[in-house]
PDB file of N, CA and C in Angstrom:
ATOM      1  N   MET A   1      17.360   2.571   1.989  1.00  0.00           N
ATOM      2  CA  MET A   1      16.080   2.655   1.324  1.00  0.00           C
ATOM      3  C   MET A   1      15.584   1.241   1.031  1.00  0.00           C
ATOM      4  N   ALA A   2      14.291   1.055   1.192  1.00  0.00           N
ATOM      5  CA  ALA A   2      13.696  -0.255   0.963  1.00  0.00           C
ATOM      6  C   ALA A   2      12.488  -0.116   0.049  1.00  0.00           C
ATOM      7  N   GLU A   3      12.240  -1.154  -0.732  1.00  0.00           N
ATOM      8  CA  GLU A   3      11.072  -1.186  -1.600  1.00  0.00           C
ATOM      9  C   GLU A   3      10.270  -2.439  -1.305  1.00  0.00           C
ATOM     10  N   ALA A   4       8.950  -2.308  -1.401  1.00  0.00           N
ATOM     11  CA  ALA A   4       8.069  -3.459  -1.168  1.00  0.00           C
ATOM     12  C   ALA A   4       6.892  -3.365  -2.117  1.00  0.00           C
ATOM     13  N   GLU A   5       6.375  -4.520  -2.509  1.00  0.00           N
ATOM     14  CA  GLU A   5       5.216  -4.555  -3.395  1.00  0.00           C
ATOM     15  C   GLU A   5       4.161  -5.491  -2.813  1.00  0.00           C
ATOM     16  N   TYR A   6       2.919  -5.065  -2.937  1.00  0.00           N
ATOM     17  CA  TYR A   6       1.788  -5.831  -2.417  1.00  0.00           C
ATOM     18  C   TYR A   6       0.720  -5.947  -3.488  1.00  0.00           C
ATOM     19  N   ASN A   7      -0.024  -7.048  -3.447  1.00  0.00           N
ATOM     20  CA  ASN A   7      -1.205  -7.213  -4.282  1.00  0.00           C
ATOM     21  C   ASN A   7      -2.400  -6.808  -3.434  1.00  0.00           C
ATOM     22  N   VAL A   8      -3.222  -5.920  -3.984  1.00  0.00           N
ATOM     23  CA  VAL A   8      -4.378  -5.410  -3.253  1.00  0.00           C
ATOM     24  C   VAL A   8      -5.651  -5.799  -3.993  1.00  0.00           C
ATOM     25  N   THR A   9      -6.596  -6.381  -3.277  1.00  0.00           N
ATOM     26  CA  THR A   9      -7.865  -6.765  -3.897  1.00  0.00           C
ATOM     27  C   THR A   9      -8.976  -5.830  -3.450  1.00  0.00           C
ATOM     28  N   GLY A  10      -9.925  -5.621  -4.363  1.00  0.00           N
ATOM     29  CA  GLY A  10     -11.103  -4.815  -4.048  1.00  0.00           C
ATOM     30  C   GLY A  10     -11.080  -3.411  -4.629  1.00  0.00           C
ATOM     31  N   MET A  11      -9.934  -2.962  -5.144  1.00  0.00           N
ATOM     32  CA  MET A  11      -9.865  -1.611  -5.712  1.00  0.00           C
ATOM     33  C   MET A  11     -10.426  -1.600  -7.128  1.00  0.00           C
ATOM     34  N   SER A  12     -11.152  -0.515  -7.462  1.00  0.00           N
ATOM     35  CA  SER A  12     -11.717  -0.441  -8.810  1.00  0.00           C
ATOM     36  C   SER A  12     -11.658   0.949  -9.439  1.00  0.00           C
ATOM     37  N   CYS A  13     -11.144   1.945  -8.683  1.00  0.00           N
ATOM     38  CA  CYS A  13     -11.174   3.314  -9.220  1.00  0.00           C
ATOM     39  C   CYS A  13     -10.118   4.198  -8.571  1.00  0.00           C
ATOM     40  N   GLY A  14     -10.061   5.431  -9.027  1.00  0.00           N
ATOM     41  CA  GLY A  14      -9.115   6.386  -8.486  1.00  0.00           C
ATOM     42  C   GLY A  14      -9.346   6.691  -7.019  1.00  0.00           C
ATOM     43  N   HIS A  15     -10.604   6.692  -6.598  1.00  0.00           N
ATOM     44  CA  HIS A  15     -10.909   6.929  -5.182  1.00  0.00           C
ATOM     45  C   HIS A  15     -10.331   5.807  -4.332  1.00  0.00           C
ATOM     46  N   CYS A  16     -10.423   4.591  -4.824  1.00  0.00           N
ATOM     47  CA  CYS A  16      -9.841   3.438  -4.120  1.00  0.00           C
ATOM     48  C   CYS A  16      -8.339   3.635  -3.962  1.00  0.00           C
ATOM     49  N   GLU A  17      -7.687   4.024  -5.057  1.00  0.00           N
ATOM     50  CA  GLU A  17      -6.245   4.257  -5.019  1.00  0.00           C
ATOM     51  C   GLU A  17      -5.894   5.333  -4.001  1.00  0.00           C
ATOM     52  N   ALA A  18      -6.656   6.426  -3.997  1.00  0.00           N
ATOM     53  CA  ALA A  18      -6.402   7.531  -3.078  1.00  0.00           C
ATOM     54  C   ALA A  18      -6.574   7.101  -1.623  1.00  0.00           C
ATOM     55  N   SER A  19      -7.563   6.268  -1.358  1.00  0.00           N
ATOM     56  CA  SER A  19      -7.796   5.787   0.011  1.00  0.00           C
ATOM     57  C   SER A  19      -6.617   4.959   0.502  1.00  0.00           C
ATOM     58  N   VAL A  20      -6.151   4.041  -0.330  1.00  0.00           N
ATOM     59  CA  VAL A  20      -5.009   3.201   0.043  1.00  0.00           C
ATOM     60  C   VAL A  20      -3.762   4.068   0.193  1.00  0.00           C
ATOM     61  N   ARG A  21      -3.517   4.952  -0.766  1.00  0.00           N
ATOM     62  CA  ARG A  21      -2.349   5.828  -0.722  1.00  0.00           C
ATOM     63  C   ARG A  21      -2.348   6.664   0.570  1.00  0.00           C
ATOM     64  N   GLY A  22      -3.502   7.194   0.930  1.00  0.00           N
ATOM     65  CA  GLY A  22      -3.606   8.027   2.121  1.00  0.00           C
ATOM     66  C   GLY A  22      -3.266   7.282   3.396  1.00  0.00           C
ATOM     67  N   GLU A  23      -3.787   6.073   3.545  1.00  0.00           N
ATOM     68  CA  GLU A  23      -3.518   5.295   4.766  1.00  0.00           C
ATOM     69  C   GLU A  23      -2.068   4.830   4.837  1.00  0.00           C
ATOM     70  N   VAL A  24      -1.530   4.340   3.725  1.00  0.00           N
ATOM     71  CA  VAL A  24      -0.157   3.830   3.719  1.00  0.00           C
ATOM     72  C   VAL A  24       0.836   4.974   3.921  1.00  0.00           C
ATOM     73  N   SER A  25       0.521   6.144   3.395  1.00  0.00           N
ATOM     74  CA  SER A  25       1.411   7.304   3.535  1.00  0.00           C
ATOM     75  C   SER A  25       1.590   7.730   4.984  1.00  0.00           C
ATOM     76  N   LYS A  26       0.667   7.357   5.850  1.00  0.00           N
ATOM     77  CA  LYS A  26       0.743   7.707   7.273  1.00  0.00           C
ATOM     78  C   LYS A  26       1.803   6.894   8.017  1.00  0.00           C
ATOM     79  N   LEU A  27       2.254   5.791   7.441  1.00  0.00           N
ATOM     80  CA  LEU A  27       3.236   4.938   8.113  1.00  0.00           C
ATOM     81  C   LEU A  27       4.590   5.645   8.182  1.00  0.00           C
ATOM     82  N   ALA A  28       5.240   5.547   9.324  1.00  0.00           N
ATOM     83  CA  ALA A  28       6.537   6.190   9.525  1.00  0.00           C
ATOM     84  C   ALA A  28       7.571   5.643   8.549  1.00  0.00           C
ATOM     85  N   GLY A  29       8.308   6.548   7.910  1.00  0.00           N
ATOM     86  CA  GLY A  29       9.382   6.152   7.009  1.00  0.00           C
ATOM     87  C   GLY A  29       8.989   6.033   5.555  1.00  0.00           C
ATOM     88  N   VAL A  30       7.698   6.107   5.251  1.00  0.00           N
ATOM     89  CA  VAL A  30       7.251   5.972   3.865  1.00  0.00           C
ATOM     90  C   VAL A  30       7.644   7.216   3.083  1.00  0.00           C
ATOM     91  N   GLU A  31       8.313   7.008   1.950  1.00  0.00           N
ATOM     92  CA  GLU A  31       8.764   8.114   1.116  1.00  0.00           C
ATOM     93  C   GLU A  31       7.965   8.238  -0.172  1.00  0.00           C
ATOM     94  N   ASP A  32       7.490   7.119  -0.717  1.00  0.00           N
ATOM     95  CA  ASP A  32       6.725   7.148  -1.962  1.00  0.00           C
ATOM     96  C   ASP A  32       5.743   5.980  -1.968  1.00  0.00           C
ATOM     97  N   VAL A  33       4.531   6.249  -2.466  1.00  0.00           N
ATOM     98  CA  VAL A  33       3.493   5.216  -2.547  1.00  0.00           C
ATOM     99  C   VAL A  33       2.895   5.271  -3.943  1.00  0.00           C
ATOM    100  N   ARG A  34       2.883   4.144  -4.622  1.00  0.00           N
ATOM    101  CA  ARG A  34       2.262   4.067  -5.947  1.00  0.00           C
ATOM    102  C   ARG A  34       1.207   2.973  -5.900  1.00  0.00           C
ATOM    103  N   VAL A  35      -0.010   3.347  -6.274  1.00  0.00           N
ATOM    104  CA  VAL A  35      -1.143   2.422  -6.206  1.00  0.00           C
ATOM    105  C   VAL A  35      -1.798   2.351  -7.576  1.00  0.00           C
ATOM    106  N   SER A  36      -2.121   1.141  -8.029  1.00  0.00           N
ATOM    107  CA  SER A  36      -2.808   0.968  -9.299  1.00  0.00           C
ATOM    108  C   SER A  36      -4.010   0.047  -9.112  1.00  0.00           C
ATOM    109  N   ALA A  37      -5.200   0.612  -9.306  1.00  0.00           N
ATOM    110  CA  ALA A  37      -6.406  -0.209  -9.229  1.00  0.00           C
ATOM    111  C   ALA A  37      -6.453  -1.165 -10.409  1.00  0.00           C
ATOM    112  N   ALA A  38      -5.971  -0.721 -11.565  1.00  0.00           N
ATOM    113  CA  ALA A  38      -6.007  -1.543 -12.780  1.00  0.00           C
ATOM    114  C   ALA A  38      -5.219  -2.838 -12.617  1.00  0.00           C
ATOM    115  N   SER A  39      -4.039  -2.740 -12.003  1.00  0.00           N
ATOM    116  CA  SER A  39      -3.215  -3.940 -11.825  1.00  0.00           C
ATOM    117  C   SER A  39      -3.339  -4.532 -10.426  1.00  0.00           C
ATOM    118  N   GLY A  40      -4.006  -3.810  -9.519  1.00  0.00           N
ATOM    119  CA  GLY A  40      -4.172  -4.296  -8.151  1.00  0.00           C
ATOM    120  C   GLY A  40      -2.878  -4.335  -7.377  1.00  0.00           C
ATOM    121  N   THR A  41      -2.015  -3.334  -7.626  1.00  0.00           N
ATOM    122  CA  THR A  41      -0.723  -3.334  -6.954  1.00  0.00           C
ATOM    123  C   THR A  41      -0.508  -2.084  -6.108  1.00  0.00           C
ATOM    124  N   LEU A  42       0.324  -2.269  -5.110  1.00  0.00           N
ATOM    125  CA  LEU A  42       0.762  -1.201  -4.215  1.00  0.00           C
ATOM    126  C   LEU A  42       2.276  -1.323  -4.117  1.00  0.00           C
ATOM    127  N   LYS A  43       2.981  -0.245  -4.461  1.00  0.00           N
ATOM    128  CA  LYS A  43       4.436  -0.235  -4.375  1.00  0.00           C
ATOM    129  C   LYS A  43       4.839   0.872  -3.417  1.00  0.00           C
ATOM    130  N   ILE A  44       5.720   0.522  -2.484  1.00  0.00           N
ATOM    131  CA  ILE A  44       6.133   1.456  -1.443  1.00  0.00           C
ATOM    132  C   ILE A  44       7.653   1.583  -1.436  1.00  0.00           C
ATOM    133  N   VAL A  45       8.121   2.822  -1.342  1.00  0.00           N
ATOM    134  CA  VAL A  45       9.538   3.096  -1.109  1.00  0.00           C
ATOM    135  C   VAL A  45       9.601   3.727   0.270  1.00  0.00           C
ATOM    136  N   SER A  46      10.472   3.191   1.124  1.00  0.00           N
ATOM    137  CA  SER A  46      10.561   3.692   2.494  1.00  0.00           C
ATOM    138  C   SER A  46      12.021   3.841   2.918  1.00  0.00           C
ATOM    139  N   ALA A  47      12.215   4.616   3.963  1.00  0.00           N
ATOM    140  CA  ALA A  47      13.558   4.865   4.485  1.00  0.00           C
ATOM    141  C   ALA A  47      14.186   3.584   5.028  1.00  0.00           C
ATOM    142  N   GLY A  48      13.372   2.690   5.551  1.00  0.00           N
ATOM    143  CA  GLY A  48      13.836   1.405   6.082  1.00  0.00           C
ATOM    144  C   GLY A  48      12.765   0.358   5.855  1.00  0.00           C
ATOM    145  N   GLU A  49      13.037  -0.853   6.287  1.00  0.00           N
ATOM    146  CA  GLU A  49      12.064  -1.932   6.119  1.00  0.00           C
ATOM    147  C   GLU A  49      10.786  -1.622   6.905  1.00  0.00           C
ATOM    148  N   LEU A  50       9.641  -1.856   6.276  1.00  0.00           N
ATOM    149  CA  LEU A  50       8.348  -1.717   6.944  1.00  0.00           C
ATOM    150  C   LEU A  50       7.841  -3.105   7.301  1.00  0.00           C
ATOM    151  N   ALA A  51       7.189  -3.213   8.426  1.00  0.00           N
ATOM    152  CA  ALA A  51       6.593  -4.495   8.811  1.00  0.00           C
ATOM    153  C   ALA A  51       5.394  -4.760   7.904  1.00  0.00           C
ATOM    154  N   ASP A  52       5.334  -5.955   7.323  1.00  0.00           N
ATOM    155  CA  ASP A  52       4.207  -6.312   6.463  1.00  0.00           C
ATOM    156  C   ASP A  52       2.886  -6.121   7.192  1.00  0.00           C
ATOM    157  N   GLU A  53       2.885  -6.453   8.493  1.00  0.00           N
ATOM    158  CA  GLU A  53       1.650  -6.336   9.275  1.00  0.00           C
ATOM    159  C   GLU A  53       1.150  -4.889   9.298  1.00  0.00           C
ATOM    160  N   ALA A  54       2.066  -3.928   9.380  1.00  0.00           N
ATOM    161  CA  ALA A  54       1.682  -2.521   9.420  1.00  0.00           C
ATOM    162  C   ALA A  54       1.087  -2.075   8.091  1.00  0.00           C
ATOM    163  N   VAL A  55       1.697  -2.504   6.998  1.00  0.00           N
ATOM    164  CA  VAL A  55       1.193  -2.147   5.667  1.00  0.00           C
ATOM    165  C   VAL A  55      -0.169  -2.786   5.439  1.00  0.00           C
ATOM    166  N   ILE A  56      -0.286  -4.059   5.759  1.00  0.00           N
ATOM    167  CA  ILE A  56      -1.552  -4.778   5.573  1.00  0.00           C
ATOM    168  C   ILE A  56      -2.651  -4.147   6.423  1.00  0.00           C
ATOM    169  N   ALA A  57      -2.331  -3.728   7.642  1.00  0.00           N
ATOM    170  CA  ALA A  57      -3.311  -3.072   8.513  1.00  0.00           C
ATOM    171  C   ALA A  57      -3.741  -1.729   7.931  1.00  0.00           C
ATOM    172  N   ALA A  58      -2.805  -0.990   7.344  1.00  0.00           N
ATOM    173  CA  ALA A  58      -3.137   0.303   6.743  1.00  0.00           C
ATOM    174  C   ALA A  58      -4.072   0.116   5.549  1.00  0.00           C
ATOM    175  N   VAL A  59      -3.790  -0.884   4.726  1.00  0.00           N
ATOM    176  CA  VAL A  59      -4.648  -1.166   3.566  1.00  0.00           C
ATOM    177  C   VAL A  59      -6.025  -1.617   4.046  1.00  0.00           C
ATOM    178  N   ASP A  60      -6.050  -2.420   5.096  1.00  0.00           N
ATOM    179  CA  ASP A  60      -7.314  -2.873   5.683  1.00  0.00           C
ATOM    180  C   ASP A  60      -8.126  -1.675   6.190  1.00  0.00           C
ATOM    181  N   GLU A  61      -7.450  -0.716   6.797  1.00  0.00           N
ATOM    182  CA  GLU A  61      -8.107   0.497   7.299  1.00  0.00           C
ATOM    183  C   GLU A  61      -8.789   1.265   6.156  1.00  0.00           C
ATOM    184  N   ALA A  62      -8.181   1.175   4.966  1.00  0.00           N
ATOM    185  CA  ALA A  62      -8.738   1.829   3.787  1.00  0.00           C
ATOM    186  C   ALA A  62      -9.909   1.026   3.199  1.00  0.00           C
ATOM    187  N   GLY A  63     -10.068  -0.212   3.661  1.00  0.00           N
ATOM    188  CA  GLY A  63     -11.192  -1.038   3.209  1.00  0.00           C
ATOM    189  C   GLY A  63     -10.840  -2.104   2.194  1.00  0.00           C
ATOM    190  N   TYR A  64      -9.562  -2.419   2.072  1.00  0.00           N
ATOM    191  CA  TYR A  64      -9.128  -3.393   1.067  1.00  0.00           C
ATOM    192  C   TYR A  64      -8.218  -4.451   1.703  1.00  0.00           C
ATOM    193  N   THR A  65      -7.843  -5.450   0.914  1.00  0.00           N
ATOM    194  CA  THR A  65      -7.032  -6.546   1.414  1.00  0.00           C
ATOM    195  C   THR A  65      -5.715  -6.578   0.648  1.00  0.00           C
ATOM    196  N   ALA A  66      -4.604  -6.691   1.391  1.00  0.00           N
ATOM    197  CA  ALA A  66      -3.281  -6.725   0.757  1.00  0.00           C
ATOM    198  C   ALA A  66      -2.520  -7.977   1.150  1.00  0.00           C
ATOM    199  N   VAL A  67      -1.673  -8.434   0.214  1.00  0.00           N
ATOM    200  CA  VAL A  67      -0.785  -9.568   0.439  1.00  0.00           C
ATOM    201  C   VAL A  67       0.558  -9.196  -0.164  1.00  0.00           C
ATOM    202  N   ARG A  68       1.644  -9.476   0.556  1.00  0.00           N
ATOM    203  CA  ARG A  68       2.991  -9.150   0.050  1.00  0.00           C
ATOM    204  C   ARG A  68       3.237  -9.905  -1.246  1.00  0.00           C
ATOM    205  N   ALA A  69       3.686  -9.199  -2.276  1.00  0.00           N
ATOM    206  CA  ALA A  69       3.946  -9.814  -3.579  1.00  0.00           C
ATOM    207  C   ALA A  69       5.377 -10.312  -3.689  1.00  0.00           C
ATOM    208  N   ARG A  70       6.330  -9.533  -3.146  1.00  0.00           N
ATOM    209  CA  ARG A  70       7.729  -9.938  -3.215  1.00  0.00           C
ATOM    210  C   ARG A  70       8.519  -9.219  -2.167  1.00  0.00           C
TER     211      ARG A  70
END
């Protein structure tokens, strides 16, 4: 199991969170996605390591910008 955290810019509401959650959830191996517009964070639990590029592309597809936090 792997965990990753990203900082996401541009989110301001629950709809924003749902959009990001929906796109990231489509990635293979994702088990849990937690998104907070208030703190601008995205936390992912996955079966294995996810490529940062894939996560960033999924967030971009939702209309926002992500950067790996740790």
